[in-house]
Amino acid sequence: MIQGIFTFQFVLNQTDIGEIEPEFRPIQLIFRDDEDYFSKDNYNELIHENDIFAVFYQHATGIFGQKKEYKNFYTGRLKETPYQVYSYFRQEKDGSQFLSICIFELDDEIELFEELIKELARKLDVIFPTLVRAYSSKQVSLITNTNKRLENELKFTLFQIERLSRLDKLQKVALIYNSNERLKVLDTLRKHPILKEELKTIVEKVNPTANLDIILRPFLELNIIRRDWSKGEKDKETGIIKNQGEYIFLVKDVLLTRVPNNYLLKHIKDTRNDVYI
């Protein structure tokens, strides 16, 4: 389950004695609606400052000192707290740097939310430059309105991610059919059981960065596949043990079909439309 979506601006503060102190200044910190513990006062228990700097480093390596537009994504596990993140970094032409961080539990399938997060990023591509202009011109109304828009966009994305997290069985089947990697797994297992390592190789031909454990999750949750260990068999001539390892078996098959809406069929029939036979 997603814990929250945070946005920060990276700023360099100068102390009275001339020293530079880097800071990630929070812009908007949005938590789940049912969150009772975490708040703006203790958000560092979700993501420690050290982890924010570590995420920032993953994004910004190689662009220091360059004032140009730059943006990218990062996924990874935090070190200081037991969570993982899907983050988006954007640097404006004037060098202003912004960070958006979605915080998830470790067992969340964050790849499932990739399109939602990238859609949020497209909106941030408009909001962050607007904030820069607003602060530069010191337009209070524009600053207020832009911050409110940012808050609403973060809340809406968090709502969409929460809704997508609560999948029923039919939606999990749809999740299989909505993924080329999972369809490849299903097609392969329909032919015969297979070693997990061999299946991993097949899936990586479809997507070199695919995580097989994440891909198999809806299959396991629906009890469509079973995992079992085989001790293999010893070759009489060479003495080498072959076919040893974890095998994946298809124990149930699944088929997804779309049927017309009953009301639509009735309407076509009642209006004697030529489509209805």
Protein backbone atom coordinates (compact mmCIF):
# COMPACT_ATOMS: atom_id res chain seq x y z
CA MET A 1 0.00 0.00 0.00
CA ILE A 2 1.25 3.46 -0.87
CA GLN A 3 2.12 5.56 2.17
CA GLY A 4 2.25 9.00 0.59
CA ILE A 5 3.54 11.27 -2.16
CA PHE A 6 6.02 13.98 -1.21
CA THR A 7 7.43 16.85 -3.24
CA PHE A 8 10.60 18.77 -2.39
CA GLN A 9 12.73 21.56 -3.77
CA PHE A 10 16.48 21.29 -3.36
CA VAL A 11 17.93 24.56 -2.07
CA LEU A 12 21.36 25.71 -0.90
CA ASN A 13 21.14 27.88 2.21
CA GLN A 14 23.98 30.11 3.30
CA THR A 15 24.69 30.44 7.03
CA ASP A 16 25.78 33.62 8.82
CA ILE A 17 29.40 32.52 8.57
CA GLY A 18 29.17 31.84 4.84
CA GLU A 19 28.84 28.06 4.93
CA ILE A 20 26.48 26.34 2.50
CA GLU A 21 23.82 24.02 3.93
CA PRO A 22 21.86 21.94 1.42
CA GLU A 23 18.19 21.36 2.22
CA PHE A 24 15.24 19.54 0.74
CA ARG A 25 12.44 21.97 1.40
CA PRO A 26 9.00 20.28 1.46
CA ILE A 27 6.46 21.72 -0.95
CA GLN A 28 3.53 19.33 -0.49
CA LEU A 29 3.41 16.20 1.70
CA ILE A 30 0.33 14.09 0.94
CA PHE A 31 -0.56 11.03 3.04
CA ARG A 32 -3.22 8.35 2.72
CA ASP A 33 -6.67 9.42 3.90
CA ASP A 34 -6.75 6.64 6.50
CA GLU A 35 -3.28 7.49 7.85
CA ASP A 36 -3.46 8.21 11.60
CA TYR A 37 0.21 8.19 12.59
CA PHE A 38 2.36 9.85 9.94
CA SER A 39 2.05 13.59 9.41
CA LYS A 40 4.03 16.60 8.23
CA ASP A 41 5.69 16.68 11.64
CA ASN A 42 7.15 13.16 11.48
CA TYR A 43 7.30 12.35 7.76
CA ASN A 44 11.04 11.62 8.22
CA GLU A 45 9.98 8.34 9.85
CA LEU A 46 8.78 7.32 6.40
CA ILE A 47 11.77 8.69 4.52
CA HIS A 48 14.87 9.91 6.34
CA GLU A 49 16.83 12.89 5.07
CA ASN A 50 19.77 10.59 4.27
CA ASP A 51 17.52 8.57 1.98
CA ILE A 52 16.21 11.71 0.28
CA PHE A 53 19.81 12.72 -0.48
CA ALA A 54 20.54 9.18 -1.71
CA VAL A 55 17.54 9.26 -4.08
CA PHE A 56 18.53 12.74 -5.25
CA TYR A 57 22.07 11.51 -5.94
CA GLN A 58 20.71 8.69 -8.13
CA HIS A 59 18.84 11.25 -10.19
CA ALA A 60 21.30 14.10 -10.38
CA THR A 61 24.69 12.44 -10.87
CA GLY A 62 26.53 14.13 -13.71
CA ILE A 63 24.40 17.28 -14.02
CA PHE A 64 25.81 19.41 -11.17
CA GLY A 65 26.69 22.90 -12.33
CA GLN A 66 24.76 22.53 -15.58
CA LYS A 67 21.82 24.89 -15.91
CA LYS A 68 19.57 23.06 -18.32
CA GLU A 69 16.25 21.24 -18.30
CA TYR A 70 16.69 17.64 -17.17
CA LYS A 71 14.35 14.96 -15.79
CA ASN A 72 14.30 11.24 -15.00
CA PHE A 73 12.77 8.48 -12.86
CA TYR A 74 14.19 6.18 -10.17
CA THR A 75 12.94 3.15 -8.25
CA GLY A 76 14.70 1.62 -5.26
CA ARG A 77 14.61 0.54 -1.66
CA LEU A 78 15.32 2.95 1.18
CA LYS A 79 18.12 2.22 3.65
CA GLU A 80 16.94 4.04 6.76
CA THR A 81 13.28 2.93 6.71
CA PRO A 82 11.54 -0.26 5.47
CA TYR A 83 9.99 1.21 2.34
CA GLN A 84 10.63 1.53 -1.38
CA VAL A 85 10.19 4.55 -3.64
CA TYR A 86 9.25 5.53 -7.16
CA SER A 87 10.63 9.03 -7.65
CA TYR A 88 10.68 11.71 -10.32
CA PHE A 89 13.34 14.41 -10.61
CA ARG A 90 13.16 17.59 -12.63
CA GLN A 91 15.70 20.36 -13.08
CA GLU A 92 14.58 23.62 -14.65
CA LYS A 93 16.60 25.72 -17.08
CA ASP A 94 17.55 28.13 -14.29
CA GLY A 95 18.98 25.24 -12.23
CA SER A 96 16.01 24.87 -9.83
CA GLN A 97 15.69 21.24 -8.80
CA PHE A 98 12.55 19.40 -7.71
CA LEU A 99 11.89 15.90 -6.43
CA SER A 100 8.62 13.96 -6.26
CA ILE A 101 8.72 10.75 -4.20
CA CYS A 102 6.01 8.09 -3.99
CA ILE A 103 6.59 5.87 -0.94
CA PHE A 104 5.42 2.25 -0.99
CA GLU A 105 5.64 -0.78 1.28
CA LEU A 106 8.30 -3.30 0.31
CA ASP A 107 5.88 -5.93 -1.00
CA ASP A 108 4.02 -3.50 -3.27
CA GLU A 109 4.23 -4.15 -6.99
CA ILE A 110 5.27 -0.63 -7.90
CA GLU A 111 5.58 -1.41 -11.61
CA LEU A 112 1.80 -1.63 -11.63
CA PHE A 113 1.59 2.09 -10.92
CA GLU A 114 4.15 3.22 -13.50
CA GLU A 115 1.66 4.85 -15.88
CA LEU A 116 -0.06 6.75 -13.06
CA ILE A 117 3.26 8.09 -11.79
CA LYS A 118 4.39 9.07 -15.27
CA GLU A 119 1.08 10.84 -15.83
CA LEU A 120 1.67 12.76 -12.60
CA ALA A 121 5.17 13.64 -13.86
CA ARG A 122 3.70 15.14 -17.03
CA LYS A 123 1.56 17.40 -14.85
CA LEU A 124 4.56 18.30 -12.68
CA ASP A 125 6.37 19.35 -15.85
CA VAL A 126 3.89 22.23 -15.95
CA ILE A 127 3.50 22.87 -12.23
CA PHE A 128 7.18 23.09 -11.22
CA PRO A 129 8.15 25.72 -13.85
CA THR A 130 5.05 27.69 -12.85
CA LEU A 131 6.22 27.63 -9.24
CA VAL A 132 9.65 28.93 -10.30
CA ARG A 133 8.06 31.83 -12.16
CA ALA A 134 5.68 32.55 -9.29
CA TYR A 135 8.45 32.69 -6.69
CA SER A 136 10.67 34.78 -8.97
CA SER A 137 7.93 37.34 -9.55
CA LYS A 138 6.69 37.09 -5.94
CA GLN A 139 3.09 36.77 -7.12
CA VAL A 140 1.32 35.59 -3.96
CA SER A 141 -1.90 34.60 -5.73
CA LEU A 142 -0.01 32.55 -8.35
CA ILE A 143 2.08 30.85 -5.66
CA THR A 144 -1.08 29.97 -3.69
CA ASN A 145 -3.01 28.71 -6.72
CA THR A 146 -0.08 26.65 -8.03
CA ASN A 147 0.49 25.04 -4.64
CA LYS A 148 -3.21 24.19 -4.45
CA ARG A 149 -3.10 22.65 -7.91
CA LEU A 150 -0.05 20.62 -6.91
CA GLU A 151 -1.81 19.40 -3.77
CA ASN A 152 -4.88 18.34 -5.77
CA GLU A 153 -2.82 16.50 -8.40
CA LEU A 154 -0.90 14.58 -5.71
CA LYS A 155 -4.12 13.66 -3.90
CA PHE A 156 -5.73 12.47 -7.12
CA THR A 157 -2.74 10.32 -8.06
CA LEU A 158 -2.61 8.83 -4.56
CA PHE A 159 -6.35 8.04 -4.82
CA GLN A 160 -5.83 6.31 -8.18
CA ILE A 161 -2.92 4.25 -6.83
CA GLU A 162 -4.93 3.19 -3.76
CA ARG A 163 -7.85 2.14 -5.97
CA LEU A 164 -5.56 0.16 -8.25
CA SER A 165 -4.04 -1.56 -5.19
CA ARG A 166 -7.40 -3.08 -4.24
CA LEU A 167 -7.76 -5.50 -7.12
CA ASP A 168 -10.40 -8.23 -7.07
CA LYS A 169 -9.92 -11.58 -8.83
CA LEU A 170 -11.29 -10.41 -12.15
CA GLN A 171 -9.00 -7.39 -12.09
CA LYS A 172 -6.01 -9.62 -11.34
CA VAL A 173 -6.86 -11.73 -14.38
CA ALA A 174 -7.05 -8.51 -16.38
CA LEU A 175 -3.64 -7.62 -14.97
CA ILE A 176 -2.26 -10.80 -16.56
CA TYR A 177 -3.80 -10.00 -19.94
CA ASN A 178 -2.59 -6.41 -19.81
CA SER A 179 1.08 -7.43 -19.68
CA ASN A 180 3.13 -8.87 -22.54
CA GLU A 181 5.48 -10.46 -20.02
CA ARG A 182 2.65 -12.22 -18.14
CA LEU A 183 1.03 -13.38 -21.38
CA LYS A 184 4.38 -14.90 -22.36
CA VAL A 185 4.52 -16.71 -19.02
CA LEU A 186 0.98 -18.05 -19.49
CA ASP A 187 1.68 -19.17 -23.05
CA THR A 188 4.92 -20.91 -21.99
CA LEU A 189 3.38 -22.73 -19.02
CA ARG A 190 0.48 -23.95 -21.13
CA LYS A 191 3.01 -26.05 -23.05
CA HIS A 192 4.89 -27.61 -20.13
CA PRO A 193 6.35 -26.95 -16.65
CA ILE A 194 9.61 -25.05 -16.76
CA LEU A 195 12.59 -24.22 -14.61
CA LYS A 196 12.26 -20.79 -13.07
CA GLU A 197 15.66 -19.75 -14.47
CA GLU A 198 14.61 -20.78 -17.97
CA LEU A 199 11.33 -18.89 -17.61
CA LYS A 200 13.29 -15.85 -16.43
CA THR A 201 15.41 -15.98 -19.60
CA ILE A 202 12.29 -16.20 -21.79
CA VAL A 203 10.63 -13.23 -20.05
CA GLU A 204 13.78 -11.12 -20.28
CA LYS A 205 13.67 -11.50 -24.06
CA VAL A 206 10.34 -9.65 -23.91
CA ASN A 207 11.57 -7.11 -21.35
CA PRO A 208 15.25 -7.16 -20.31
CA THR A 209 14.50 -5.35 -17.02
CA ALA A 210 11.53 -7.54 -16.02
CA ASN A 211 11.32 -8.79 -12.43
CA LEU A 212 10.00 -12.36 -12.64
CA ASP A 213 8.87 -12.52 -9.00
CA ILE A 214 6.68 -9.45 -9.52
CA ILE A 215 5.36 -10.80 -12.82
CA LEU A 216 4.37 -14.10 -11.16
CA ARG A 217 2.57 -12.46 -8.23
CA PRO A 218 -0.99 -12.35 -9.72
CA PHE A 219 -0.57 -15.98 -10.86
CA LEU A 220 0.27 -17.02 -7.31
CA GLU A 221 -2.49 -14.93 -5.74
CA LEU A 222 -5.04 -16.58 -8.04
CA ASN A 223 -3.53 -20.07 -7.44
CA ILE A 224 -2.97 -20.47 -11.16
CA ILE A 225 0.60 -21.71 -10.79
CA ARG A 226 2.51 -23.83 -8.30
CA ARG A 227 6.19 -23.78 -7.43
CA ASP A 228 8.07 -26.94 -6.58
CA TRP A 229 11.68 -28.01 -6.25
CA SER A 230 13.14 -30.81 -8.34
CA LYS A 231 16.33 -32.54 -7.26
CA GLY A 232 16.99 -33.38 -10.91
CA GLU A 233 18.56 -36.48 -12.33
CA LYS A 234 22.15 -37.61 -12.57
CA ASP A 235 23.61 -38.23 -15.99
CA LYS A 236 25.00 -41.78 -16.02
CA GLU A 237 27.90 -40.91 -18.30
CA THR A 238 29.04 -37.54 -16.96
CA GLY A 239 27.72 -37.69 -13.39
CA ILE A 240 26.34 -34.17 -13.83
CA ILE A 241 22.96 -33.49 -12.26
CA LYS A 242 20.54 -32.05 -14.82
CA ASN A 243 17.22 -30.25 -14.48
CA GLN A 244 17.72 -29.42 -10.83
CA GLY A 245 16.02 -26.34 -9.45
CA GLU A 246 12.70 -24.64 -8.88
CA TYR A 247 9.99 -25.49 -11.41
CA ILE A 248 6.88 -23.52 -12.24
CA PHE A 249 3.71 -25.52 -12.99
CA LEU A 250 0.42 -24.29 -14.44
CA VAL A 251 -2.30 -25.90 -12.30
CA LYS A 252 -5.23 -23.83 -13.60
CA ASP A 253 -5.77 -22.04 -16.85
CA VAL A 254 -7.41 -18.68 -17.29
CA LEU A 255 -9.22 -17.04 -20.16
CA LEU A 256 -10.49 -13.48 -20.32
CA THR A 257 -13.34 -12.58 -22.65
CA ARG A 258 -15.38 -9.44 -23.11
CA VAL A 259 -19.15 -9.69 -23.50
CA PRO A 260 -21.50 -6.97 -24.71
CA ASN A 261 -23.47 -4.99 -22.17
CA ASN A 262 -26.94 -6.58 -21.60
CA TYR A 263 -28.67 -3.21 -21.79
CA LEU A 264 -26.95 -2.48 -25.09
CA LEU A 265 -28.02 -5.83 -26.54
CA LYS A 266 -31.61 -5.28 -25.44
CA HIS A 267 -31.61 -1.79 -26.93
CA ILE A 268 -30.33 -3.08 -30.28
CA LYS A 269 -32.94 -5.84 -30.28
CA ASP A 270 -35.81 -3.51 -29.36
CA THR A 271 -34.87 -0.98 -32.03
CA ARG A 272 -34.57 -3.76 -34.63
CA ASN A 273 -31.05 -2.62 -35.48
CA ASP A 274 -29.36 -4.48 -38.34
CA VAL A 275 -26.45 -5.26 -36.01
CA TYR A 276 -28.67 -7.66 -34.05
CA ILE A 277 -29.10 -11.06 -35.70
